mmCIF file of all heavy atoms, coordinates in Angstrom:
data_MODEL
# 
_entry.id   MODEL 
# 
loop_
_atom_site.group_PDB 
_atom_site.id 
_atom_site.type_symbol 
_atom_site.label_atom_id 
_atom_site.label_alt_id 
_atom_site.label_comp_id 
_atom_site.label_asym_id 
_atom_site.label_entity_id 
_atom_site.label_seq_id 
_atom_site.pdbx_PDB_ins_code 
_atom_site.Cartn_x 
_atom_site.Cartn_y 
_atom_site.Cartn_z 
_atom_site.occupancy 
_atom_site.B_iso_or_equiv 
_atom_site.pdbx_formal_charge 
_atom_site.auth_seq_id 
_atom_site.auth_comp_id 
_atom_site.auth_asym_id 
_atom_site.auth_atom_id 
_atom_site.pdbx_PDB_model_num 
ATOM 1   N N   . PRO A 1 1  ? 0.814   -1.222 0.004   1.00 0.00 ? 1  PRO A N   1 
ATOM 2   C CA  . PRO A 1 1  ? -0.011  -0.001 0.015   1.00 0.00 ? 1  PRO A CA  1 
ATOM 3   C C   . PRO A 1 1  ? 0.854   1.258  -0.016  1.00 0.00 ? 1  PRO A C   1 
ATOM 4   O O   . PRO A 1 1  ? 0.479   2.263  -0.618  1.00 0.00 ? 1  PRO A O   1 
ATOM 5   C CB  . PRO A 1 1  ? -0.816  -0.134 1.285   1.00 0.00 ? 1  PRO A CB  1 
ATOM 6   C CG  . PRO A 1 1  ? -0.816  -1.569 1.632   1.00 0.00 ? 1  PRO A CG  1 
ATOM 7   C CD  . PRO A 1 1  ? 0.521   -2.061 1.183   1.00 0.00 ? 1  PRO A CD  1 
ATOM 8   N N   . GLY A 1 2  ? 1.990   1.235  0.692   1.00 0.00 ? 2  GLY A N   1 
ATOM 9   C CA  . GLY A 1 2  ? 2.813   2.413  0.764   1.00 0.00 ? 2  GLY A CA  1 
ATOM 10  C C   . GLY A 1 2  ? 3.372   2.833  -0.604  1.00 0.00 ? 2  GLY A C   1 
ATOM 11  O O   . GLY A 1 2  ? 3.640   4.019  -0.815  1.00 0.00 ? 2  GLY A O   1 
ATOM 12  N N   . MET A 1 3  ? 3.519   1.856  -1.507  1.00 0.00 ? 3  MET A N   1 
ATOM 13  C CA  . MET A 1 3  ? 4.095   2.166  -2.842  1.00 0.00 ? 3  MET A CA  1 
ATOM 14  C C   . MET A 1 3  ? 3.236   3.112  -3.650  1.00 0.00 ? 3  MET A C   1 
ATOM 15  O O   . MET A 1 3  ? 3.721   3.906  -4.446  1.00 0.00 ? 3  MET A O   1 
ATOM 16  C CB  . MET A 1 3  ? 4.360   0.881  -3.562  1.00 0.00 ? 3  MET A CB  1 
ATOM 17  C CG  . MET A 1 3  ? 5.456   0.002  -2.940  1.00 0.00 ? 3  MET A CG  1 
ATOM 18  S SD  . MET A 1 3  ? 5.660   -1.598 -3.776  1.00 0.00 ? 3  MET A SD  1 
ATOM 19  C CE  . MET A 1 3  ? 6.252   -1.095 -5.385  1.00 0.00 ? 3  MET A CE  1 
ATOM 20  N N   . PHE A 1 4  ? 1.892   3.028  -3.478  1.00 0.00 ? 4  PHE A N   1 
ATOM 21  C CA  . PHE A 1 4  ? 1.010   3.912  -4.257  1.00 0.00 ? 4  PHE A CA  1 
ATOM 22  C C   . PHE A 1 4  ? 0.331   4.981  -3.385  1.00 0.00 ? 4  PHE A C   1 
ATOM 23  O O   . PHE A 1 4  ? -0.477  5.776  -3.875  1.00 0.00 ? 4  PHE A O   1 
ATOM 24  C CB  . PHE A 1 4  ? -0.036  3.114  -5.025  1.00 0.00 ? 4  PHE A CB  1 
ATOM 25  C CG  . PHE A 1 4  ? -0.926  2.236  -4.207  1.00 0.00 ? 4  PHE A CG  1 
ATOM 26  C CD1 . PHE A 1 4  ? -2.044  2.749  -3.585  1.00 0.00 ? 4  PHE A CD1 1 
ATOM 27  C CD2 . PHE A 1 4  ? -0.644  0.881  -4.066  1.00 0.00 ? 4  PHE A CD2 1 
ATOM 28  C CE1 . PHE A 1 4  ? -2.865  1.944  -2.825  1.00 0.00 ? 4  PHE A CE1 1 
ATOM 29  C CE2 . PHE A 1 4  ? -1.477  0.057  -3.329  1.00 0.00 ? 4  PHE A CE2 1 
ATOM 30  C CZ  . PHE A 1 4  ? -2.581  0.590  -2.670  1.00 0.00 ? 4  PHE A CZ  1 
ATOM 31  N N   . ALA A 1 5  ? 0.659   5.015  -2.069  1.00 0.00 ? 5  ALA A N   1 
ATOM 32  C CA  . ALA A 1 5  ? 0.035   6.009  -1.200  1.00 0.00 ? 5  ALA A CA  1 
ATOM 33  C C   . ALA A 1 5  ? 0.375   7.432  -1.631  1.00 0.00 ? 5  ALA A C   1 
ATOM 34  O O   . ALA A 1 5  ? -0.476  8.337  -1.591  1.00 0.00 ? 5  ALA A O   1 
ATOM 35  C CB  . ALA A 1 5  ? 0.474   5.764  0.246   1.00 0.00 ? 5  ALA A CB  1 
ATOM 36  N N   . GLY A 1 6  ? 1.623   7.633  -2.034  1.00 0.00 ? 6  GLY A N   1 
ATOM 37  C CA  . GLY A 1 6  ? 2.036   9.011  -2.435  1.00 0.00 ? 6  GLY A CA  1 
ATOM 38  C C   . GLY A 1 6  ? 1.303   9.476  -3.668  1.00 0.00 ? 6  GLY A C   1 
ATOM 39  O O   . GLY A 1 6  ? 0.874   10.653 -3.768  1.00 0.00 ? 6  GLY A O   1 
ATOM 40  N N   . MET A 1 7  ? 1.139   8.587  -4.641  1.00 0.00 ? 7  MET A N   1 
ATOM 41  C CA  . MET A 1 7  ? 0.386   8.985  -5.877  1.00 0.00 ? 7  MET A CA  1 
ATOM 42  C C   . MET A 1 7  ? -1.050  9.289  -5.549  1.00 0.00 ? 7  MET A C   1 
ATOM 43  O O   . MET A 1 7  ? -1.629  10.260 -6.091  1.00 0.00 ? 7  MET A O   1 
ATOM 44  C CB  . MET A 1 7  ? 0.485   7.833  -6.898  1.00 0.00 ? 7  MET A CB  1 
ATOM 45  C CG  . MET A 1 7  ? 1.858   7.637  -7.490  1.00 0.00 ? 7  MET A CG  1 
ATOM 46  S SD  . MET A 1 7  ? 1.907   6.360  -8.773  1.00 0.00 ? 7  MET A SD  1 
ATOM 47  C CE  . MET A 1 7  ? 1.721   4.909  -7.753  1.00 0.00 ? 7  MET A CE  1 
ATOM 48  N N   . LEU A 1 8  ? -1.677  8.492  -4.668  1.00 0.00 ? 8  LEU A N   1 
ATOM 49  C CA  . LEU A 1 8  ? -3.042  8.765  -4.278  1.00 0.00 ? 8  LEU A CA  1 
ATOM 50  C C   . LEU A 1 8  ? -3.172  10.094 -3.586  1.00 0.00 ? 8  LEU A C   1 
ATOM 51  O O   . LEU A 1 8  ? -4.120  10.874 -3.896  1.00 0.00 ? 8  LEU A O   1 
ATOM 52  C CB  . LEU A 1 8  ? -3.524  7.654  -3.326  1.00 0.00 ? 8  LEU A CB  1 
ATOM 53  C CG  . LEU A 1 8  ? -4.150  6.381  -3.930  1.00 0.00 ? 8  LEU A CG  1 
ATOM 54  C CD1 . LEU A 1 8  ? -4.482  5.406  -2.795  1.00 0.00 ? 8  LEU A CD1 1 
ATOM 55  C CD2 . LEU A 1 8  ? -5.410  6.720  -4.715  1.00 0.00 ? 8  LEU A CD2 1 
ATOM 56  N N   . GLN A 1 9  ? -2.253  10.378 -2.700  1.00 0.00 ? 9  GLN A N   1 
ATOM 57  C CA  . GLN A 1 9  ? -2.341  11.644 -1.949  1.00 0.00 ? 9  GLN A CA  1 
ATOM 58  C C   . GLN A 1 9  ? -2.196  12.826 -2.877  1.00 0.00 ? 9  GLN A C   1 
ATOM 59  O O   . GLN A 1 9  ? -2.912  13.827 -2.735  1.00 0.00 ? 9  GLN A O   1 
ATOM 60  C CB  . GLN A 1 9  ? -1.256  11.664 -0.859  1.00 0.00 ? 9  GLN A CB  1 
ATOM 61  C CG  . GLN A 1 9  ? -1.274  12.909 0.011   1.00 0.00 ? 9  GLN A CG  1 
ATOM 62  C CD  . GLN A 1 9  ? -0.537  14.091 -0.637  1.00 0.00 ? 9  GLN A CD  1 
ATOM 63  O OE1 . GLN A 1 9  ? 0.563   13.925 -1.148  1.00 0.00 ? 9  GLN A OE1 1 
ATOM 64  N NE2 . GLN A 1 9  ? -1.138  15.260 -0.592  1.00 0.00 ? 9  GLN A NE2 1 
ATOM 65  N N   . GLN A 1 10 ? -1.246  12.738 -3.800  1.00 0.00 ? 10 GLN A N   1 
ATOM 66  C CA  . GLN A 1 10 ? -1.055  13.885 -4.701  1.00 0.00 ? 10 GLN A CA  1 
ATOM 67  C C   . GLN A 1 10 ? -2.241  14.093 -5.599  1.00 0.00 ? 10 GLN A C   1 
ATOM 68  O O   . GLN A 1 10 ? -2.550  15.221 -5.975  1.00 0.00 ? 10 GLN A O   1 
ATOM 69  C CB  . GLN A 1 10 ? 0.249   13.692 -5.517  1.00 0.00 ? 10 GLN A CB  1 
ATOM 70  C CG  . GLN A 1 10 ? 1.505   13.876 -4.705  1.00 0.00 ? 10 GLN A CG  1 
ATOM 71  C CD  . GLN A 1 10 ? 2.713   14.204 -5.571  1.00 0.00 ? 10 GLN A CD  1 
ATOM 72  O OE1 . GLN A 1 10 ? 2.914   13.602 -6.619  1.00 0.00 ? 10 GLN A OE1 1 
ATOM 73  N NE2 . GLN A 1 10 ? 3.500   15.154 -5.148  1.00 0.00 ? 10 GLN A NE2 1 
ATOM 74  N N   . TYR A 1 11 ? -2.930  13.029 -5.970  1.00 0.00 ? 11 TYR A N   1 
ATOM 75  C CA  . TYR A 1 11 ? -4.086  13.144 -6.821  1.00 0.00 ? 11 TYR A CA  1 
ATOM 76  C C   . TYR A 1 11 ? -5.298  13.685 -6.058  1.00 0.00 ? 11 TYR A C   1 
ATOM 77  O O   . TYR A 1 11 ? -6.087  14.491 -6.559  1.00 0.00 ? 11 TYR A O   1 
ATOM 78  C CB  . TYR A 1 11 ? -4.412  11.777 -7.432  1.00 0.00 ? 11 TYR A CB  1 
ATOM 79  C CG  . TYR A 1 11 ? -5.598  11.784 -8.340  1.00 0.00 ? 11 TYR A CG  1 
ATOM 80  C CD1 . TYR A 1 11 ? -5.562  12.333 -9.617  1.00 0.00 ? 11 TYR A CD1 1 
ATOM 81  C CD2 . TYR A 1 11 ? -6.816  11.223 -7.916  1.00 0.00 ? 11 TYR A CD2 1 
ATOM 82  C CE1 . TYR A 1 11 ? -6.681  12.346 -10.466 1.00 0.00 ? 11 TYR A CE1 1 
ATOM 83  C CE2 . TYR A 1 11 ? -7.939  11.224 -8.736  1.00 0.00 ? 11 TYR A CE2 1 
ATOM 84  C CZ  . TYR A 1 11 ? -7.857  11.794 -9.989  1.00 0.00 ? 11 TYR A CZ  1 
ATOM 85  O OH  . TYR A 1 11 ? -8.959  11.814 -10.814 1.00 0.00 ? 11 TYR A OH  1 
ATOM 86  N N   . LEU A 1 12 ? -5.470  13.188 -4.814  1.00 0.00 ? 12 LEU A N   1 
ATOM 87  C CA  . LEU A 1 12 ? -6.660  13.496 -4.040  1.00 0.00 ? 12 LEU A CA  1 
ATOM 88  C C   . LEU A 1 12 ? -6.517  14.738 -3.127  1.00 0.00 ? 12 LEU A C   1 
ATOM 89  O O   . LEU A 1 12 ? -7.516  15.373 -2.792  1.00 0.00 ? 12 LEU A O   1 
ATOM 90  C CB  . LEU A 1 12 ? -7.046  12.313 -3.144  1.00 0.00 ? 12 LEU A CB  1 
ATOM 91  C CG  . LEU A 1 12 ? -7.388  11.021 -3.868  1.00 0.00 ? 12 LEU A CG  1 
ATOM 92  C CD1 . LEU A 1 12 ? -7.565  9.870  -2.847  1.00 0.00 ? 12 LEU A CD1 1 
ATOM 93  C CD2 . LEU A 1 12 ? -8.670  11.190 -4.679  1.00 0.00 ? 12 LEU A CD2 1 
ATOM 94  N N   . GLY A 1 13 ? -5.301  15.063 -2.746  1.00 0.00 ? 13 GLY A N   1 
ATOM 95  C CA  . GLY A 1 13 ? -5.085  16.067 -1.714  1.00 0.00 ? 13 GLY A CA  1 
ATOM 96  C C   . GLY A 1 13 ? -5.144  15.409 -0.334  1.00 0.00 ? 13 GLY A C   1 
ATOM 97  O O   . GLY A 1 13 ? -5.652  14.272 -0.178  1.00 0.00 ? 13 GLY A O   1 
ATOM 98  N N   . TYR A 1 14 ? -4.643  16.099 0.686   1.00 0.00 ? 14 TYR A N   1 
ATOM 99  C CA  . TYR A 1 14 ? -4.538  15.469 2.021   1.00 0.00 ? 14 TYR A CA  1 
ATOM 100 C C   . TYR A 1 14 ? -5.886  15.100 2.612   1.00 0.00 ? 14 TYR A C   1 
ATOM 101 O O   . TYR A 1 14 ? -6.088  13.996 3.112   1.00 0.00 ? 14 TYR A O   1 
ATOM 102 C CB  . TYR A 1 14 ? -3.763  16.398 2.946   1.00 0.00 ? 14 TYR A CB  1 
ATOM 103 C CG  . TYR A 1 14 ? -2.275  16.349 2.720   1.00 0.00 ? 14 TYR A CG  1 
ATOM 104 C CD1 . TYR A 1 14 ? -1.587  17.483 2.255   1.00 0.00 ? 14 TYR A CD1 1 
ATOM 105 C CD2 . TYR A 1 14 ? -1.520  15.212 2.993   1.00 0.00 ? 14 TYR A CD2 1 
ATOM 106 C CE1 . TYR A 1 14 ? -0.234  17.458 2.038   1.00 0.00 ? 14 TYR A CE1 1 
ATOM 107 C CE2 . TYR A 1 14 ? -0.163  15.199 2.763   1.00 0.00 ? 14 TYR A CE2 1 
ATOM 108 C CZ  . TYR A 1 14 ? 0.479   16.303 2.301   1.00 0.00 ? 14 TYR A CZ  1 
ATOM 109 O OH  . TYR A 1 14 ? 1.847   16.275 2.093   1.00 0.00 ? 14 TYR A OH  1 
ATOM 110 N N   . THR A 1 15 ? -6.838  16.000 2.626   1.00 0.00 ? 15 THR A N   1 
ATOM 111 C CA  . THR A 1 15 ? -8.111  15.768 3.302   1.00 0.00 ? 15 THR A CA  1 
ATOM 112 C C   . THR A 1 15 ? -8.846  14.564 2.676   1.00 0.00 ? 15 THR A C   1 
ATOM 113 O O   . THR A 1 15 ? -9.284  13.651 3.391   1.00 0.00 ? 15 THR A O   1 
ATOM 114 C CB  . THR A 1 15 ? -9.025  17.004 3.267   1.00 0.00 ? 15 THR A CB  1 
ATOM 115 O OG1 . THR A 1 15 ? -8.354  18.094 3.909   1.00 0.00 ? 15 THR A OG1 1 
ATOM 116 C CG2 . THR A 1 15 ? -10.310 16.712 3.977   1.00 0.00 ? 15 THR A CG2 1 
ATOM 117 N N   . THR A 1 16 ? -8.961  14.581 1.374   1.00 0.00 ? 16 THR A N   1 
ATOM 118 C CA  . THR A 1 16 ? -9.675  13.472 0.695   1.00 0.00 ? 16 THR A CA  1 
ATOM 119 C C   . THR A 1 16 ? -8.901  12.147 0.876   1.00 0.00 ? 16 THR A C   1 
ATOM 120 O O   . THR A 1 16 ? -9.507  11.077 1.039   1.00 0.00 ? 16 THR A O   1 
ATOM 121 C CB  . THR A 1 16 ? -9.847  13.795 -0.817  1.00 0.00 ? 16 THR A CB  1 
ATOM 122 O OG1 . THR A 1 16 ? -10.474 15.043 -0.957  1.00 0.00 ? 16 THR A OG1 1 
ATOM 123 C CG2 . THR A 1 16 ? -10.694 12.697 -1.491  1.00 0.00 ? 16 THR A CG2 1 
ATOM 124 N N   . PHE A 1 17 ? -7.588  12.254 0.880   1.00 0.00 ? 17 PHE A N   1 
ATOM 125 C CA  . PHE A 1 17 ? -6.784  11.024 1.085   1.00 0.00 ? 17 PHE A CA  1 
ATOM 126 C C   . PHE A 1 17 ? -7.059  10.447 2.451   1.00 0.00 ? 17 PHE A C   1 
ATOM 127 O O   . PHE A 1 17 ? -7.254  9.222  2.611   1.00 0.00 ? 17 PHE A O   1 
ATOM 128 C CB  . PHE A 1 17 ? -5.293  11.356 0.935   1.00 0.00 ? 17 PHE A CB  1 
ATOM 129 C CG  . PHE A 1 17 ? -4.388  10.192 1.290   1.00 0.00 ? 17 PHE A CG  1 
ATOM 130 C CD1 . PHE A 1 17 ? -4.141  9.182  0.370   1.00 0.00 ? 17 PHE A CD1 1 
ATOM 131 C CD2 . PHE A 1 17 ? -3.810  10.092 2.543   1.00 0.00 ? 17 PHE A CD2 1 
ATOM 132 C CE1 . PHE A 1 17 ? -3.309  8.112  0.686   1.00 0.00 ? 17 PHE A CE1 1 
ATOM 133 C CE2 . PHE A 1 17 ? -3.002  9.023  2.872   1.00 0.00 ? 17 PHE A CE2 1 
ATOM 134 C CZ  . PHE A 1 17 ? -2.744  8.036  1.954   1.00 0.00 ? 17 PHE A CZ  1 
ATOM 135 N N   . PHE A 1 18 ? -7.097  11.288 3.482   1.00 0.00 ? 18 PHE A N   1 
ATOM 136 C CA  . PHE A 1 18 ? -7.339  10.792 4.842   1.00 0.00 ? 18 PHE A CA  1 
ATOM 137 C C   . PHE A 1 18 ? -8.776  10.238 4.979   1.00 0.00 ? 18 PHE A C   1 
ATOM 138 O O   . PHE A 1 18 ? -9.010  9.292  5.729   1.00 0.00 ? 18 PHE A O   1 
ATOM 139 C CB  . PHE A 1 18 ? -7.080  11.904 5.864   1.00 0.00 ? 18 PHE A CB  1 
ATOM 140 C CG  . PHE A 1 18 ? -5.614  12.272 5.985   1.00 0.00 ? 18 PHE A CG  1 
ATOM 141 C CD1 . PHE A 1 18 ? -5.229  13.610 6.079   1.00 0.00 ? 18 PHE A CD1 1 
ATOM 142 C CD2 . PHE A 1 18 ? -4.647  11.297 6.011   1.00 0.00 ? 18 PHE A CD2 1 
ATOM 143 C CE1 . PHE A 1 18 ? -3.880  13.967 6.198   1.00 0.00 ? 18 PHE A CE1 1 
ATOM 144 C CE2 . PHE A 1 18 ? -3.289  11.639 6.118   1.00 0.00 ? 18 PHE A CE2 1 
ATOM 145 C CZ  . PHE A 1 18 ? -2.928  12.968 6.223   1.00 0.00 ? 18 PHE A CZ  1 
ATOM 146 N N   . ILE A 1 19 ? -9.691  10.852 4.267   1.00 0.00 ? 19 ILE A N   1 
ATOM 147 C CA  . ILE A 1 19 ? -11.072 10.280 4.243   1.00 0.00 ? 19 ILE A CA  1 
ATOM 148 C C   . ILE A 1 19 ? -11.080 8.919  3.624   1.00 0.00 ? 19 ILE A C   1 
ATOM 149 O O   . ILE A 1 19 ? -11.739 7.980  4.103   1.00 0.00 ? 19 ILE A O   1 
ATOM 150 C CB  . ILE A 1 19 ? -12.041 11.261 3.492   1.00 0.00 ? 19 ILE A CB  1 
ATOM 151 C CG1 . ILE A 1 19 ? -12.233 12.538 4.263   1.00 0.00 ? 19 ILE A CG1 1 
ATOM 152 C CG2 . ILE A 1 19 ? -13.385 10.572 3.239   1.00 0.00 ? 19 ILE A CG2 1 
ATOM 153 C CD1 . ILE A 1 19 ? -13.021 13.615 3.526   1.00 0.00 ? 19 ILE A CD1 1 
ATOM 154 N N   . LEU A 1 20 ? -10.287 8.756  2.524   1.00 0.00 ? 20 LEU A N   1 
ATOM 155 C CA  . LEU A 1 20 ? -10.167 7.448  1.892   1.00 0.00 ? 20 LEU A CA  1 
ATOM 156 C C   . LEU A 1 20 ? -9.571  6.429  2.883   1.00 0.00 ? 20 LEU A C   1 
ATOM 157 O O   . LEU A 1 20 ? -10.015 5.265  2.898   1.00 0.00 ? 20 LEU A O   1 
ATOM 158 C CB  . LEU A 1 20 ? -9.299  7.550  0.659   1.00 0.00 ? 20 LEU A CB  1 
ATOM 159 C CG  . LEU A 1 20 ? -8.990  6.224  -0.086  1.00 0.00 ? 20 LEU A CG  1 
ATOM 160 C CD1 . LEU A 1 20 ? -10.297 5.614  -0.636  1.00 0.00 ? 20 LEU A CD1 1 
ATOM 161 C CD2 . LEU A 1 20 ? -7.997  6.448  -1.195  1.00 0.00 ? 20 LEU A CD2 1 
ATOM 162 N N   . VAL A 1 21 ? -8.596  6.829  3.660   1.00 0.00 ? 21 VAL A N   1 
ATOM 163 C CA  . VAL A 1 21 ? -8.007  5.937  4.648   1.00 0.00 ? 21 VAL A CA  1 
ATOM 164 C C   . VAL A 1 21 ? -9.083  5.457  5.609   1.00 0.00 ? 21 VAL A C   1 
ATOM 165 O O   . VAL A 1 21 ? -9.164  4.264  5.939   1.00 0.00 ? 21 VAL A O   1 
ATOM 166 C CB  . VAL A 1 21 ? -6.880  6.663  5.429   1.00 0.00 ? 21 VAL A CB  1 
ATOM 167 C CG1 . VAL A 1 21 ? -6.458  5.821  6.670   1.00 0.00 ? 21 VAL A CG1 1 
ATOM 168 C CG2 . VAL A 1 21 ? -5.673  6.879  4.512   1.00 0.00 ? 21 VAL A CG2 1 
ATOM 169 N N   . VAL A 1 22 ? -9.935  6.371  6.075   1.00 0.00 ? 22 VAL A N   1 
ATOM 170 C CA  . VAL A 1 22 ? -11.012 5.999  6.991   1.00 0.00 ? 22 VAL A CA  1 
ATOM 171 C C   . VAL A 1 22 ? -11.969 5.043  6.296   1.00 0.00 ? 22 VAL A C   1 
ATOM 172 O O   . VAL A 1 22 ? -12.436 4.043  6.925   1.00 0.00 ? 22 VAL A O   1 
ATOM 173 C CB  . VAL A 1 22 ? -11.749 7.253  7.478   1.00 0.00 ? 22 VAL A CB  1 
ATOM 174 C CG1 . VAL A 1 22 ? -12.974 6.869  8.292   1.00 0.00 ? 22 VAL A CG1 1 
ATOM 175 C CG2 . VAL A 1 22 ? -10.826 8.144  8.294   1.00 0.00 ? 22 VAL A CG2 1 
ATOM 176 N N   . ILE A 1 23 ? -12.295 5.261  5.065   1.00 0.00 ? 23 ILE A N   1 
ATOM 177 C CA  . ILE A 1 23 ? -13.176 4.348  4.319   1.00 0.00 ? 23 ILE A CA  1 
ATOM 178 C C   . ILE A 1 23 ? -12.535 2.943  4.231   1.00 0.00 ? 23 ILE A C   1 
ATOM 179 O O   . ILE A 1 23 ? -13.220 1.924  4.398   1.00 0.00 ? 23 ILE A O   1 
ATOM 180 C CB  . ILE A 1 23 ? -13.464 4.876  2.911   1.00 0.00 ? 23 ILE A CB  1 
ATOM 181 C CG1 . ILE A 1 23 ? -14.300 6.178  2.981   1.00 0.00 ? 23 ILE A CG1 1 
ATOM 182 C CG2 . ILE A 1 23 ? -14.175 3.847  2.061   1.00 0.00 ? 23 ILE A CG2 1 
ATOM 183 C CD1 . ILE A 1 23 ? -14.477 6.876  1.660   1.00 0.00 ? 23 ILE A CD1 1 
ATOM 184 N N   . CYS A 1 24 ? -11.228 2.913  4.041   1.00 0.00 ? 24 CYS A N   1 
ATOM 185 C CA  . CYS A 1 24 ? -10.517 1.630  3.919   1.00 0.00 ? 24 CYS A CA  1 
ATOM 186 C C   . CYS A 1 24 ? -10.481 0.836  5.230   1.00 0.00 ? 24 CYS A C   1 
ATOM 187 O O   . CYS A 1 24 ? -10.160 -0.369 5.238   1.00 0.00 ? 24 CYS A O   1 
ATOM 188 C CB  . CYS A 1 24 ? -9.098  1.871  3.443   1.00 0.00 ? 24 CYS A CB  1 
ATOM 189 S SG  . CYS A 1 24 ? -8.955  2.302  1.673   1.00 0.00 ? 24 CYS A SG  1 
ATOM 190 N N   . THR A 1 25 ? -10.834 1.487  6.343   1.00 0.00 ? 25 THR A N   1 
ATOM 191 C CA  . THR A 1 25 ? -10.863 0.747  7.593   1.00 0.00 ? 25 THR A CA  1 
ATOM 192 C C   . THR A 1 25 ? -11.924 -0.369 7.567   1.00 0.00 ? 25 THR A C   1 
ATOM 193 O O   . THR A 1 25 ? -11.888 -1.270 8.389   1.00 0.00 ? 25 THR A O   1 
ATOM 194 C CB  . THR A 1 25 ? -11.123 1.692  8.795   1.00 0.00 ? 25 THR A CB  1 
ATOM 195 O OG1 . THR A 1 25 ? -12.396 2.339  8.632   1.00 0.00 ? 25 THR A OG1 1 
ATOM 196 C CG2 . THR A 1 25 ? -10.008 2.707  8.947   1.00 0.00 ? 25 THR A CG2 1 
ATOM 197 N N   . SER A 1 26 ? -12.858 -0.249 6.629   1.00 0.00 ? 26 SER A N   1 
ATOM 198 C CA  . SER A 1 26 ? -13.854 -1.334 6.471   1.00 0.00 ? 26 SER A CA  1 
ATOM 199 C C   . SER A 1 26 ? -13.201 -2.654 6.172   1.00 0.00 ? 26 SER A C   1 
ATOM 200 O O   . SER A 1 26 ? -13.696 -3.712 6.576   1.00 0.00 ? 26 SER A O   1 
ATOM 201 C CB  . SER A 1 26 ? -14.856 -0.978 5.389   1.00 0.00 ? 26 SER A CB  1 
ATOM 202 O OG  . SER A 1 26 ? -14.182 -0.805 4.113   1.00 0.00 ? 26 SER A OG  1 
ATOM 203 N N   . LEU A 1 27 ? -12.047 -2.640 5.509   1.00 0.00 ? 27 LEU A N   1 
ATOM 204 C CA  . LEU A 1 27 ? -11.315 -3.867 5.244   1.00 0.00 ? 27 LEU A CA  1 
ATOM 205 C C   . LEU A 1 27 ? -10.832 -4.532 6.524   1.00 0.00 ? 27 LEU A C   1 
ATOM 206 O O   . LEU A 1 27 ? -10.838 -5.760 6.612   1.00 0.00 ? 27 LEU A O   1 
ATOM 207 C CB  . LEU A 1 27 ? -10.105 -3.568 4.325   1.00 0.00 ? 27 LEU A CB  1 
ATOM 208 C CG  . LEU A 1 27 ? -10.396 -3.139 2.902   1.00 0.00 ? 27 LEU A CG  1 
ATOM 209 C CD1 . LEU A 1 27 ? -9.131  -2.741 2.203   1.00 0.00 ? 27 LEU A CD1 1 
ATOM 210 C CD2 . LEU A 1 27 ? -11.101 -4.250 2.145   1.00 0.00 ? 27 LEU A CD2 1 
ATOM 211 N N   . THR A 1 28 ? -10.428 -3.716 7.505   1.00 0.00 ? 28 THR A N   1 
ATOM 212 C CA  . THR A 1 28 ? -10.010 -4.252 8.787   1.00 0.00 ? 28 THR A CA  1 
ATOM 213 C C   . THR A 1 28 ? -11.150 -5.005 9.480   1.00 0.00 ? 28 THR A C   1 
ATOM 214 O O   . THR A 1 28 ? -10.943 -6.092 10.017  1.00 0.00 ? 28 THR A O   1 
ATOM 215 C CB  . THR A 1 28 ? -9.504  -3.102 9.686   1.00 0.00 ? 28 THR A CB  1 
ATOM 216 O OG1 . THR A 1 28 ? -8.489  -2.360 9.001   1.00 0.00 ? 28 THR A OG1 1 
ATOM 217 C CG2 . THR A 1 28 ? -8.939  -3.652 10.997  1.00 0.00 ? 28 THR A CG2 1 
ATOM 218 N N   . PHE A 1 29 ? -12.332 -4.428 9.435   1.00 0.00 ? 29 PHE A N   1 
ATOM 219 C CA  . PHE A 1 29 ? -13.488 -5.090 10.026  1.00 0.00 ? 29 PHE A CA  1 
ATOM 220 C C   . PHE A 1 29 ? -13.863 -6.376 9.293   1.00 0.00 ? 29 PHE A C   1 
ATOM 221 O O   . PHE A 1 29 ? -14.167 -7.363 9.931   1.00 0.00 ? 29 PHE A O   1 
ATOM 222 C CB  . PHE A 1 29 ? -14.699 -4.120 10.021  1.00 0.00 ? 29 PHE A CB  1 
ATOM 223 C CG  . PHE A 1 29 ? -14.622 -3.041 11.041  1.00 0.00 ? 29 PHE A CG  1 
ATOM 224 C CD1 . PHE A 1 29 ? -14.003 -1.826 10.771  1.00 0.00 ? 29 PHE A CD1 1 
ATOM 225 C CD2 . PHE A 1 29 ? -15.152 -3.218 12.310  1.00 0.00 ? 29 PHE A CD2 1 
ATOM 226 C CE1 . PHE A 1 29 ? -13.950 -0.809 11.700  1.00 0.00 ? 29 PHE A CE1 1 
ATOM 227 C CE2 . PHE A 1 29 ? -15.107 -2.204 13.272  1.00 0.00 ? 29 PHE A CE2 1 
ATOM 228 C CZ  . PHE A 1 29 ? -14.474 -1.025 12.969  1.00 0.00 ? 29 PHE A CZ  1 
# 
């Protein structure tokens, strides 16, 4: 995941990226 995290952040911006991280917590559940 770390390999494409930077590309995602630059495309989405910090706030949207962090929202995406929260959405991805569904995978943990």
